[in-house]
Amino acid sequence: HNSRPRSVRSQVNFTHYSDQCMQSAADLVNTFGHPSGTEYMGTAELAKDFLVDHGFSEVDEVRESDLAELHRVRGRLEAVFYAPDEAEAARLLNDLLREYDVRPHLTAHDGHWHFHYASEDATLGRRVATDVVMGLAALIADYGFDRFGICAADNCGDVFVDMSRNKSRRYCNDVCSSRTNVAAHRRRTRAGTGS
């Protein structure tokens, strides 16, 4: 008998904003290469590009302190994706929710009502960190831990959010999928020819 809580769709829909935050959380984790250790977001300018590309609002200036905040939360989010089970992932997320003092409130700064999760006077880095943490909390509440993916390709390890209908996604992107399929095909061909 499995006594862990069953994941069901929550009755609260945080709108498309949480969907954006879920994907942004995975992409933020991947700004530090796996397993290469390559830093893809090493400057405030690169961080600004990332935030603008991911639809975050009011990204006028990214300070070094914002960059440091994004690097800090990135490592903590990676631990959530790599957690051994759902209970540990939830514990890590609860720690982050407490640490960032998440306070959902409605805002219409862009003409549409949606949630923000940090206080109005929060720094950009803290606001983004709070949003992506809340995105992953909504993901585990709405869809369960099996939607947190780690790329199955050799020498990758990037993370992803699996929103496929049957939870069948195995790779972070098409490049890793194709590379793995080509390698498997070559192995089968070599085995078939005995070479």
Foldseek 3Di string as FASTA:
>chain_A
DDPDDDAAADPDDQPCLLVLLQQLLLVLLPCQFPPVRDHNQPDQVSVLVSCVVSPHPPCPGGDPVLSVLSVVLSVLSLCLLVPPFQVVNVVSLVVVCVVLVWDWDWDCPVPDTGIFTHDPPDDPSSSSSRSNSVSVVSCCRRPNSLQWAFAPAPRGRRIGGHPDPVSPDRHPDVVSVVVVVVVVVVVVVCVVVVD
